[in-house]
C-alpha atoms as a PDB file:
ATOM      1  CA  MET A   1     149.361  76.857 230.356  1.00  0.00           C
ATOM      2  CA  ALA A   2     150.443  77.669 226.795  1.00  0.00           C
ATOM      3  CA  LYS A   3     148.232  79.824 224.688  1.00  0.00           C
ATOM      4  CA  SER A   4     146.718  78.257 221.628  1.00  0.00           C
ATOM      5  CA  LEU A   5     147.954  79.547 218.287  1.00  0.00           C
ATOM      6  CA  ASN A   6     144.647  78.700 216.609  1.00  0.00           C
ATOM      7  CA  PRO A   7     142.578  81.918 216.316  1.00  0.00           C
ATOM      8  CA  ASN A   8     139.374  79.914 216.333  1.00  0.00           C
ATOM      9  CA  ALA A   9     140.243  78.431 219.618  1.00  0.00           C
ATOM     10  CA  ALA A  10     139.216  81.581 221.450  1.00  0.00           C
ATOM     11  CA  GLY A  11     135.891  81.668 219.615  1.00  0.00           C
ATOM     12  CA  HIS A  12     136.994  84.282 217.124  1.00  0.00           C
ATOM     13  CA  SER A  13     135.956  83.867 213.421  1.00  0.00           C
ATOM     14  CA  PRO A  14     138.379  84.828 210.623  1.00  0.00           C
ATOM     15  CA  PRO A  15     137.850  88.192 208.880  1.00  0.00           C
ATOM     16  CA  PRO A  16     135.562  87.959 205.849  1.00  0.00           C
ATOM     17  CA  ALA A  17     137.304  87.790 202.494  1.00  0.00           C
ATOM     18  CA  SER A  18     136.786  90.845 200.253  1.00  0.00           C
ATOM     19  CA  ALA A  19     134.567  90.392 197.139  1.00  0.00           C
ATOM     20  CA  PRO A  20     136.583  90.015 193.958  1.00  0.00           C
ATOM     21  CA  ALA A  21     136.595  93.068 191.649  1.00  0.00           C
ATOM     22  CA  ASP A  22     134.765  92.933 188.242  1.00  0.00           C
ATOM     23  CA  PRO A  23     137.078  91.582 185.655  1.00  0.00           C
ATOM     24  CA  PRO A  24     138.622  94.400 183.532  1.00  0.00           C
ATOM     25  CA  ARG A  25     137.699  92.469 180.367  1.00  0.00           C
ATOM     26  CA  ARG A  26     133.976  92.840 181.121  1.00  0.00           C
ATOM     27  CA  ASN A  27     134.338  96.603 181.395  1.00  0.00           C
ATOM     28  CA  LEU A  28     136.191  96.791 178.090  1.00  0.00           C
ATOM     29  CA  LEU A  29     133.528  94.735 176.305  1.00  0.00           C
ATOM     30  CA  ALA A  30     130.761  96.927 177.677  1.00  0.00           C
ATOM     31  CA  ALA A  31     132.550 100.087 176.544  1.00  0.00           C
ATOM     32  CA  ALA A  32     133.187  98.653 173.076  1.00  0.00           C
ATOM     33  CA  ALA A  33     129.545  97.613 172.761  1.00  0.00           C
ATOM     34  CA  ALA A  34     128.415 101.110 173.717  1.00  0.00           C
ATOM     35  CA  VAL A  35     130.679 102.645 171.060  1.00  0.00           C
ATOM     36  CA  VAL A  36     129.407 100.278 168.352  1.00  0.00           C
ATOM     37  CA  ILE A  37     125.766 100.879 169.255  1.00  0.00           C
ATOM     38  CA  GLY A  38     126.301 104.625 169.271  1.00  0.00           C
ATOM     39  CA  PHE A  39     127.981 104.472 165.865  1.00  0.00           C
ATOM     40  CA  LEU A  40     125.149 102.415 164.378  1.00  0.00           C
ATOM     41  CA  VAL A  41     122.533 104.748 165.787  1.00  0.00           C
ATOM     42  CA  SER A  42     124.340 107.771 164.336  1.00  0.00           C
ATOM     43  CA  LEU A  43     124.428 106.205 160.859  1.00  0.00           C
ATOM     44  CA  PHE A  44     120.684 106.636 160.354  1.00  0.00           C
ATOM     45  CA  PRO A  45     120.542 110.454 160.552  1.00  0.00           C
ATOM     46  CA  LEU A  46     123.764 110.671 158.525  1.00  0.00           C
ATOM     47  CA  ALA A  47     122.334 108.465 155.777  1.00  0.00           C
ATOM     48  CA  THR A  48     119.074 110.408 155.797  1.00  0.00           C
ATOM     49  CA  GLY A  49     120.930 113.698 155.497  1.00  0.00           C
ATOM     50  CA  ALA A  50     123.080 112.390 152.648  1.00  0.00           C
ATOM     51  CA  LEU A  51     120.014 111.235 150.715  1.00  0.00           C
ATOM     52  CA  LEU A  52     118.336 114.605 151.163  1.00  0.00           C
ATOM     53  CA  PHE A  53     121.527 116.337 150.014  1.00  0.00           C
ATOM     54  CA  LEU A  54     121.966 114.153 146.922  1.00  0.00           C
ATOM     55  CA  ASP A  55     118.283 113.916 146.000  1.00  0.00           C
ATOM     56  CA  PRO A  56     118.288 116.888 143.546  1.00  0.00           C
ATOM     57  CA  ILE A  57     121.392 115.551 141.791  1.00  0.00           C
ATOM     58  CA  LEU A  58     119.979 112.036 141.460  1.00  0.00           C
ATOM     59  CA  LYS A  59     116.661 113.345 140.130  1.00  0.00           C
ATOM     60  CA  ARG A  60     118.412 115.552 137.578  1.00  0.00           C
ATOM     61  CA  LYS A  61     120.619 112.694 136.398  1.00  0.00           C
ATOM     62  CA  ALA A  62     117.624 110.382 136.020  1.00  0.00           C
ATOM     63  CA  LYS A  63     115.692 113.059 134.150  1.00  0.00           C
ATOM     64  CA  SER A  64     118.525 113.851 131.753  1.00  0.00           C
ATOM     65  CA  GLY A  65     119.030 110.210 130.836  1.00  0.00           C
ATOM     66  CA  GLY A  66     122.814 110.540 130.771  1.00  0.00           C
ATOM     67  CA  LYS A  67     125.009 110.437 127.693  1.00  0.00           C
ATOM     68  CA  GLY A  68     123.207 109.695 124.462  1.00  0.00           C
ATOM     69  CA  ALA A  69     119.995 111.401 125.577  1.00  0.00           C
ATOM     70  CA  LYS A  70     117.283 111.704 122.931  1.00  0.00           C
ATOM     71  CA  GLU A  71     115.830 114.829 121.341  1.00  0.00           C
ATOM     72  CA  GLU A  72     112.288 113.683 122.098  1.00  0.00           C
ATOM     73  CA  GLY A  73     110.695 115.538 124.962  1.00  0.00           C
ATOM     74  CA  ARG A  74     112.965 118.573 124.746  1.00  0.00           C
ATOM     75  CA  PRO A  75     110.987 121.805 125.157  1.00  0.00           C
ATOM     76  CA  PHE A  76     110.530 124.304 122.342  1.00  0.00           C
ATOM     77  CA  ARG A  77     111.883 127.759 123.190  1.00  0.00           C
ATOM     78  CA  ARG A  78     110.911 131.067 121.654  1.00  0.00           C
ATOM     79  CA  VAL A  79     113.927 132.673 119.967  1.00  0.00           C
ATOM     80  CA  ALA A  80     112.553 135.234 117.488  1.00  0.00           C
ATOM     81  CA  THR A  81     109.643 136.415 115.384  1.00  0.00           C
ATOM     82  CA  VAL A  82     109.302 135.608 111.691  1.00  0.00           C
ATOM     83  CA  GLU A  83     108.998 139.317 110.939  1.00  0.00           C
ATOM     84  CA  ALA A  84     112.477 139.947 112.401  1.00  0.00           C
ATOM     85  CA  LEU A  85     114.171 137.629 109.889  1.00  0.00           C
ATOM     86  CA  PRO A  86     115.512 139.050 106.601  1.00  0.00           C
ATOM     87  CA  ALA A  87     113.324 138.241 103.616  1.00  0.00           C
ATOM     88  CA  ASP A  88     116.336 137.559 101.377  1.00  0.00           C
ATOM     89  CA  GLY A  89     117.353 134.418 103.286  1.00  0.00           C
ATOM     90  CA  THR A  90     120.350 135.912 105.096  1.00  0.00           C
ATOM     91  CA  PRO A  91     121.060 133.863 108.234  1.00  0.00           C
ATOM     92  CA  VAL A  92     120.655 135.609 111.574  1.00  0.00           C
ATOM     93  CA  GLN A  93     122.263 134.403 114.781  1.00  0.00           C
ATOM     94  CA  VAL A  94     120.042 134.662 117.847  1.00  0.00           C
ATOM     95  CA  PRO A  95     120.645 133.542 121.452  1.00  0.00           C
ATOM     96  CA  VAL A  96     118.632 130.817 123.125  1.00  0.00           C
ATOM     97  CA  ILE A  97     117.414 131.898 126.564  1.00  0.00           C
ATOM     98  CA  ALA A  98     116.236 129.567 129.313  1.00  0.00           C
ATOM     99  CA  ASP A  99     116.100 129.177 133.085  1.00  0.00           C
ATOM    100  CA  LEU A 100     119.248 127.471 134.346  1.00  0.00           C
ATOM    101  CA  THR A 101     118.655 125.001 137.162  1.00  0.00           C
ATOM    102  CA  ASP A 102     121.382 123.125 138.966  1.00  0.00           C
ATOM    103  CA  ALA A 103     120.913 120.800 141.919  1.00  0.00           C
ATOM    104  CA  TRP A 104     119.922 123.500 144.404  1.00  0.00           C
ATOM    105  CA  SER A 105     119.441 126.857 142.648  1.00  0.00           C
ATOM    106  CA  ARG A 106     117.738 128.431 139.652  1.00  0.00           C
ATOM    107  CA  GLU A 107     118.738 131.406 137.493  1.00  0.00           C
ATOM    108  CA  ALA A 108     116.103 132.820 135.176  1.00  0.00           C
ATOM    109  CA  ASN A 109     116.636 134.013 131.595  1.00  0.00           C
ATOM    110  CA  GLN A 110     120.197 132.840 130.999  1.00  0.00           C
ATOM    111  CA  PRO A 111     121.785 132.209 127.559  1.00  0.00           C
ATOM    112  CA  ILE A 112     122.276 128.484 126.973  1.00  0.00           C
ATOM    113  CA  GLY A 113     123.463 128.643 123.354  1.00  0.00           C
ATOM    114  CA  ALA A 114     122.792 130.230 119.980  1.00  0.00           C
ATOM    115  CA  VAL A 115     121.181 129.286 116.693  1.00  0.00           C
ATOM    116  CA  TYR A 116     121.132 130.519 113.112  1.00  0.00           C
ATOM    117  CA  LEU A 117     117.723 131.219 111.595  1.00  0.00           C
ATOM    118  CA  ARG A 118     117.101 131.591 107.871  1.00  0.00           C
ATOM    119  CA  LYS A 119     113.761 132.457 106.292  1.00  0.00           C
ATOM    120  CA  LEU A 120     113.196 130.692 102.969  1.00  0.00           C
ATOM    121  CA  ALA A 121     111.311 131.983  99.969  1.00  0.00           C
ATOM    122  CA  ASP A 122     108.240 129.880 100.759  1.00  0.00           C
ATOM    123  CA  GLY A 123     107.995 131.387 104.244  1.00  0.00           C
ATOM    124  CA  LYS A 124     109.489 128.413 106.061  1.00  0.00           C
ATOM    125  CA  VAL A 125     112.351 128.894 108.488  1.00  0.00           C
ATOM    126  CA  GLU A 126     115.499 126.803 108.844  1.00  0.00           C
ATOM    127  CA  CYS A 127     117.366 126.555 112.115  1.00  0.00           C
ATOM    128  CA  PHE A 128     120.934 125.379 112.822  1.00  0.00           C
ATOM    129  CA  ASN A 129     122.852 125.110 116.051  1.00  0.00           C
ATOM    130  CA  ALA A 130     125.621 127.724 115.961  1.00  0.00           C
ATOM    131  CA  ILE A 131     128.172 125.252 117.359  1.00  0.00           C
ATOM    132  CA  CYS A 132     130.585 123.699 114.872  1.00  0.00           C
ATOM    133  CA  PRO A 133     130.333 119.871 114.867  1.00  0.00           C
ATOM    134  CA  HIS A 134     134.119 119.595 114.621  1.00  0.00           C
ATOM    135  CA  ALA A 135     135.447 120.938 117.927  1.00  0.00           C
ATOM    136  CA  GLY A 136     132.639 122.951 119.476  1.00  0.00           C
ATOM    137  CA  CYS A 137     133.592 126.473 118.352  1.00  0.00           C
ATOM    138  CA  PHE A 138     130.938 129.028 117.432  1.00  0.00           C
ATOM    139  CA  VAL A 139     130.445 129.236 113.674  1.00  0.00           C
ATOM    140  CA  GLY A 140     130.438 132.655 112.044  1.00  0.00           C
ATOM    141  CA  TYR A 141     128.647 133.839 108.911  1.00  0.00           C
ATOM    142  CA  SER A 142     130.508 135.412 106.004  1.00  0.00           C
ATOM    143  CA  GLY A 143     128.176 137.823 104.234  1.00  0.00           C
ATOM    144  CA  ASP A 144     130.665 138.314 101.391  1.00  0.00           C
ATOM    145  CA  ARG A 145     130.972 134.601 100.584  1.00  0.00           C
ATOM    146  CA  LYS A 146     127.484 133.719 101.828  1.00  0.00           C
ATOM    147  CA  ILE A 147     128.712 130.712 103.752  1.00  0.00           C
ATOM    148  CA  PHE A 148     129.116 129.683 107.387  1.00  0.00           C
ATOM    149  CA  GLN A 149     132.721 129.545 108.534  1.00  0.00           C
ATOM    150  CA  CYS A 150     134.299 128.213 111.708  1.00  0.00           C
ATOM    151  CA  PRO A 151     137.146 130.440 112.940  1.00  0.00           C
ATOM    152  CA  CYS A 152     138.936 127.582 114.708  1.00  0.00           C
ATOM    153  CA  HIS A 153     139.728 124.949 112.085  1.00  0.00           C
ATOM    154  CA  THR A 154     138.435 126.362 108.755  1.00  0.00           C
ATOM    155  CA  SER A 155     135.287 124.227 108.555  1.00  0.00           C
ATOM    156  CA  SER A 156     132.855 125.818 106.082  1.00  0.00           C
ATOM    157  CA  PHE A 157     129.164 125.179 105.402  1.00  0.00           C
ATOM    158  CA  GLU A 158     126.656 126.171 102.752  1.00  0.00           C
ATOM    159  CA  LEU A 159     123.579 128.208 103.669  1.00  0.00           C
ATOM    160  CA  ASP A 160     121.599 124.996 103.995  1.00  0.00           C
ATOM    161  CA  GLY A 161     124.113 123.677 106.554  1.00  0.00           C
ATOM    162  CA  GLN A 162     125.878 121.239 104.223  1.00  0.00           C
ATOM    163  CA  ARG A 163     129.621 121.079 104.883  1.00  0.00           C
ATOM    164  CA  ILE A 164     131.970 122.189 102.135  1.00  0.00           C
ATOM    165  CA  LEU A 165     134.492 119.435 101.408  1.00  0.00           C
ATOM    166  CA  PRO A 166     137.270 118.904 102.238  1.00  0.00           C
ATOM    167  CA  SER A 167     136.351 119.765 105.797  1.00  0.00           C
ATOM    168  CA  PRO A 168     137.606 118.863 109.269  1.00  0.00           C
ATOM    169  CA  SER A 169     134.000 118.755 110.421  1.00  0.00           C
ATOM    170  CA  PRO A 170     132.747 115.149 110.579  1.00  0.00           C
ATOM    171  CA  ARG A 171     129.164 116.131 109.675  1.00  0.00           C
ATOM    172  CA  ASN A 172     126.920 118.954 108.483  1.00  0.00           C
ATOM    173  CA  MET A 173     125.697 121.693 110.791  1.00  0.00           C
ATOM    174  CA  ASP A 174     123.168 120.396 113.280  1.00  0.00           C
ATOM    175  CA  GLY A 175     119.663 121.315 112.193  1.00  0.00           C
ATOM    176  CA  LEU A 176     117.032 121.869 114.887  1.00  0.00           C
ATOM    177  CA  ALA A 177     113.277 121.372 114.821  1.00  0.00           C
ATOM    178  CA  ILE A 178     110.892 124.345 114.680  1.00  0.00           C
ATOM    179  CA  ASP A 179     107.326 124.381 116.005  1.00  0.00           C
ATOM    180  CA  ALA A 180     105.185 124.580 112.855  1.00  0.00           C
ATOM    181  CA  GLU A 181     102.077 125.829 114.671  1.00  0.00           C
ATOM    182  CA  LYS A 182     103.923 128.676 116.368  1.00  0.00           C
ATOM    183  CA  LEU A 183     105.489 129.543 113.011  1.00  0.00           C
ATOM    184  CA  LYS A 184     102.004 130.084 111.560  1.00  0.00           C
ATOM    185  CA  GLU A 185     101.409 132.566 114.371  1.00  0.00           C
ATOM    186  CA  GLY A 186     104.536 134.498 113.399  1.00  0.00           C
ATOM    187  CA  GLU A 187     106.812 133.212 116.157  1.00  0.00           C
ATOM    188  CA  VAL A 188     109.905 130.994 115.925  1.00  0.00           C
ATOM    189  CA  TRP A 189     110.051 128.341 118.634  1.00  0.00           C
ATOM    190  CA  VAL A 190     113.075 126.041 118.454  1.00  0.00           C
ATOM    191  CA  GLN A 191     113.678 122.641 120.032  1.00  0.00           C
ATOM    192  CA  PHE A 192     117.174 123.456 121.194  1.00  0.00           C
ATOM    193  CA  VAL A 193     119.635 120.562 121.483  1.00  0.00           C
ATOM    194  CA  ASN A 194     123.405 120.529 121.848  1.00  0.00           C
ATOM    195  CA  TYR A 195     125.264 117.623 120.256  1.00  0.00           C
ATOM    196  CA  TYR A 196     128.656 116.110 120.981  1.00  0.00           C
ATOM    197  CA  SER A 197     131.325 117.444 118.665  1.00  0.00           C
ATOM    198  CA  GLY A 198     133.840 115.321 116.781  1.00  0.00           C
ATOM    199  CA  HIS A 199     131.365 112.536 115.944  1.00  0.00           C
ATOM    200  CA  GLU A 200     130.151 111.646 112.485  1.00  0.00           C
ATOM    201  CA  LYS A 201     126.801 110.604 113.910  1.00  0.00           C
ATOM    202  CA  ARG A 202     124.800 113.107 115.925  1.00  0.00           C
ATOM    203  CA  GLU A 203     124.568 112.290 119.629  1.00  0.00           C
ATOM    204  CA  ALA A 204     122.537 114.606 121.837  1.00  0.00           C
ATOM    205  CA  LYS A 205     123.981 115.925 125.061  1.00  0.00           C
ATOM    206  CA  PRO A 206     121.892 115.748 128.266  1.00  0.00           C
END
């Protein structure tokens, strides 16, 4: 009798088919999603750290008001005593000292500029920024000619700060305010402001 070629004929079942493997595309999508989620989660501490790092700079910029800042609100700084100024009206250059603060550090008692002080006959005191309005050089004082002179581009100014024409300077020397109450007490406190050079109209720097 011939044997049957059908495997089921002898009561044997076929071997079970193996389960199909997970599609490779599903694995790639899961990996990509994990990368994206990890990136988004890492953005929060990075953004927080950046804000903490930039916070001093942003506060300083907001406080300064940027270009064209006003003189109002500037502090008065002690620069001299009235007794130290010559009674004959000769101008005296004195440094302006202040604490320098950048975004993250502070240096105490640093020179931030210079001014000329001149005591008038009535006891009042005039104050001028020592920077030439033309190109930002320091103005000198000629005792022989009794005038202010800039060594850079020959700008000259009278004792009251008025420019001597013709002059490359677009304006007179920059006068600064003095605290009248402190002056009565024998001290000279100046509202120190630096102005942009080369402009006919005064424009305060931050």
